[in-house]
Amino acid sequence: MKKIRNFSKRQLSGLVGQWVGMIAVVIGIVIEIQLGAHLGFVLITAGALAYAIATKLLNF
């Protein structure tokens, strides 16, 4: 718990954003493979964008 307290709000939101982005990409890939739906492409794109923004917040 101490490690989380050392993060600033910006870094913590970046970390959470990366997880959300990764999960959205994985769900999008699964939907695309199983259903062949265009929703998969939307989730993959949105997840990648969220991951990129979150990475910028983390200052990498």
N, C-alpha and C. Protein backbone atom coordinates (compact mmCIF):
# COMPACT_ATOMS: atom_id res chain seq x y z
N MET A 1 0.82 -1.19 0.00
CA MET A 1 0.00 0.00 0.00
C MET A 1 0.86 1.26 0.00
N LYS A 2 2.06 1.18 0.57
CA LYS A 2 2.93 2.35 0.59
C LYS A 2 3.35 2.75 -0.81
N LYS A 3 3.53 1.76 -1.70
CA LYS A 3 3.94 2.08 -3.06
C LYS A 3 2.88 2.91 -3.77
N ILE A 4 1.61 2.61 -3.53
CA ILE A 4 0.54 3.36 -4.16
C ILE A 4 0.51 4.79 -3.63
N ARG A 5 0.81 4.98 -2.38
CA ARG A 5 0.80 6.32 -1.80
C ARG A 5 1.91 7.19 -2.35
N ASN A 6 2.98 6.60 -2.85
CA ASN A 6 4.08 7.37 -3.40
C ASN A 6 3.78 7.89 -4.81
N PHE A 7 2.76 7.34 -5.46
CA PHE A 7 2.39 7.81 -6.79
C PHE A 7 1.64 9.13 -6.69
N SER A 8 1.88 10.01 -7.65
CA SER A 8 1.05 11.20 -7.73
C SER A 8 -0.27 10.82 -8.40
N LYS A 9 -1.24 11.71 -8.34
CA LYS A 9 -2.53 11.41 -8.97
C LYS A 9 -2.37 11.20 -10.47
N ARG A 10 -1.48 11.96 -11.07
CA ARG A 10 -1.23 11.84 -12.51
C ARG A 10 -0.65 10.47 -12.84
N GLN A 11 0.32 10.02 -12.05
CA GLN A 11 0.92 8.72 -12.30
C GLN A 11 -0.07 7.59 -12.05
N LEU A 12 -0.88 7.72 -11.01
CA LEU A 12 -1.86 6.69 -10.70
C LEU A 12 -2.93 6.61 -11.80
N SER A 13 -3.37 7.76 -12.29
CA SER A 13 -4.35 7.73 -13.38
C SER A 13 -3.72 7.17 -14.65
N GLY A 14 -2.43 7.40 -14.86
CA GLY A 14 -1.74 6.80 -16.00
C GLY A 14 -1.66 5.30 -15.88
N LEU A 15 -1.38 4.82 -14.69
CA LEU A 15 -1.29 3.37 -14.46
C LEU A 15 -2.64 2.70 -14.66
N VAL A 16 -3.68 3.29 -14.10
CA VAL A 16 -5.03 2.74 -14.27
C VAL A 16 -5.45 2.82 -15.73
N GLY A 17 -5.11 3.90 -16.39
CA GLY A 17 -5.44 4.06 -17.80
C GLY A 17 -4.78 3.01 -18.68
N GLN A 18 -3.55 2.65 -18.35
CA GLN A 18 -2.87 1.61 -19.11
C GLN A 18 -3.59 0.27 -18.96
N TRP A 19 -4.00 -0.04 -17.74
CA TRP A 19 -4.73 -1.30 -17.52
C TRP A 19 -6.05 -1.30 -18.26
N VAL A 20 -6.77 -0.19 -18.21
CA VAL A 20 -8.05 -0.10 -18.92
C VAL A 20 -7.83 -0.25 -20.42
N GLY A 21 -6.79 0.39 -20.94
CA GLY A 21 -6.48 0.29 -22.36
C GLY A 21 -6.14 -1.13 -22.77
N MET A 22 -5.32 -1.80 -21.96
CA MET A 22 -4.94 -3.18 -22.28
C MET A 22 -6.16 -4.10 -22.26
N ILE A 23 -7.01 -3.93 -21.27
CA ILE A 23 -8.20 -4.78 -21.17
C ILE A 23 -9.14 -4.53 -22.35
N ALA A 24 -9.30 -3.28 -22.76
CA ALA A 24 -10.16 -2.96 -23.90
C ALA A 24 -9.62 -3.59 -25.18
N VAL A 25 -8.30 -3.56 -25.36
CA VAL A 25 -7.71 -4.17 -26.55
C VAL A 25 -7.94 -5.68 -26.55
N VAL A 26 -7.72 -6.32 -25.42
CA VAL A 26 -7.92 -7.77 -25.34
C VAL A 26 -9.38 -8.14 -25.59
N ILE A 27 -10.31 -7.41 -25.00
CA ILE A 27 -11.73 -7.68 -25.22
C ILE A 27 -12.07 -7.46 -26.70
N GLY A 28 -11.52 -6.41 -27.29
CA GLY A 28 -11.76 -6.15 -28.71
C GLY A 28 -11.25 -7.26 -29.60
N ILE A 29 -10.08 -7.79 -29.29
CA ILE A 29 -9.53 -8.90 -30.08
C ILE A 29 -10.41 -10.14 -29.94
N VAL A 30 -10.84 -10.43 -28.73
CA VAL A 30 -11.69 -11.61 -28.51
C VAL A 30 -13.02 -11.46 -29.25
N ILE A 31 -13.64 -10.29 -29.18
CA ILE A 31 -14.91 -10.07 -29.89
C ILE A 31 -14.70 -10.20 -31.39
N GLU A 32 -13.60 -9.65 -31.89
CA GLU A 32 -13.33 -9.72 -33.32
C GLU A 32 -13.14 -11.16 -33.78
N ILE A 33 -12.43 -11.95 -33.01
CA ILE A 33 -12.18 -13.34 -33.39
C ILE A 33 -13.46 -14.17 -33.30
N GLN A 34 -14.20 -14.01 -32.21
CA GLN A 34 -15.38 -14.85 -32.00
C GLN A 34 -16.57 -14.43 -32.84
N LEU A 35 -16.82 -13.15 -32.95
CA LEU A 35 -18.03 -12.69 -33.63
C LEU A 35 -17.77 -12.10 -35.00
N GLY A 36 -16.55 -11.68 -35.26
CA GLY A 36 -16.26 -11.00 -36.51
C GLY A 36 -16.94 -9.63 -36.59
N ALA A 37 -17.26 -9.07 -35.44
CA ALA A 37 -18.00 -7.81 -35.39
C ALA A 37 -17.06 -6.61 -35.48
N HIS A 38 -17.58 -5.53 -36.01
CA HIS A 38 -16.79 -4.30 -36.11
C HIS A 38 -16.58 -3.65 -34.76
N LEU A 39 -17.37 -4.03 -33.77
CA LEU A 39 -17.18 -3.52 -32.42
C LEU A 39 -15.78 -3.86 -31.91
N GLY A 40 -15.24 -4.98 -32.34
CA GLY A 40 -13.89 -5.36 -31.94
C GLY A 40 -12.86 -4.34 -32.39
N PHE A 41 -13.00 -3.86 -33.64
CA PHE A 41 -12.07 -2.85 -34.14
C PHE A 41 -12.18 -1.55 -33.34
N VAL A 42 -13.39 -1.19 -32.99
CA VAL A 42 -13.60 0.03 -32.20
C VAL A 42 -12.93 -0.10 -30.84
N LEU A 43 -13.11 -1.25 -30.18
CA LEU A 43 -12.49 -1.45 -28.86
C LEU A 43 -10.97 -1.49 -28.95
N ILE A 44 -10.45 -2.12 -30.00
CA ILE A 44 -8.99 -2.17 -30.17
C ILE A 44 -8.44 -0.76 -30.35
N THR A 45 -9.09 0.04 -31.19
CA THR A 45 -8.63 1.41 -31.43
C THR A 45 -8.74 2.27 -30.18
N ALA A 46 -9.88 2.19 -29.50
CA ALA A 46 -10.08 2.98 -28.28
C ALA A 46 -9.11 2.55 -27.18
N GLY A 47 -8.88 1.25 -27.06
CA GLY A 47 -7.94 0.75 -26.06
C GLY A 47 -6.52 1.20 -26.33
N ALA A 48 -6.13 1.17 -27.60
CA ALA A 48 -4.78 1.62 -27.96
C ALA A 48 -4.61 3.11 -27.68
N LEU A 49 -5.64 3.88 -27.98
CA LEU A 49 -5.60 5.32 -27.71
C LEU A 49 -5.53 5.60 -26.21
N ALA A 50 -6.32 4.89 -25.42
CA ALA A 50 -6.29 5.05 -23.97
C ALA A 50 -4.93 4.66 -23.41
N TYR A 51 -4.34 3.60 -23.94
CA TYR A 51 -3.02 3.17 -23.48
C TYR A 51 -1.97 4.24 -23.80
N ALA A 52 -2.05 4.81 -24.99
CA ALA A 52 -1.07 5.84 -25.38
C ALA A 52 -1.18 7.08 -24.50
N ILE A 53 -2.39 7.51 -24.22
CA ILE A 53 -2.59 8.69 -23.37
C ILE A 53 -2.11 8.40 -21.95
N ALA A 54 -2.42 7.20 -21.45
CA ALA A 54 -2.01 6.84 -20.09
C ALA A 54 -0.49 6.74 -19.99
N THR A 55 0.15 6.26 -21.04
CA THR A 55 1.61 6.19 -21.03
C THR A 55 2.21 7.59 -20.98
N LYS A 56 1.60 8.52 -21.68
CA LYS A 56 2.05 9.91 -21.63
C LYS A 56 1.89 10.48 -20.22
N LEU A 57 0.81 10.11 -19.54
CA LEU A 57 0.60 10.58 -18.16
C LEU A 57 1.65 10.02 -17.21
N LEU A 58 2.12 8.81 -17.50
CA LEU A 58 3.13 8.21 -16.63
C LEU A 58 4.53 8.78 -16.86
N ASN A 59 4.68 9.58 -17.91
CA ASN A 59 5.97 10.22 -18.20
C ASN A 59 7.03 9.26 -18.69
N PHE A 60 6.64 8.31 -19.51
CA PHE A 60 7.63 7.39 -20.08
C PHE A 60 8.28 8.02 -21.28
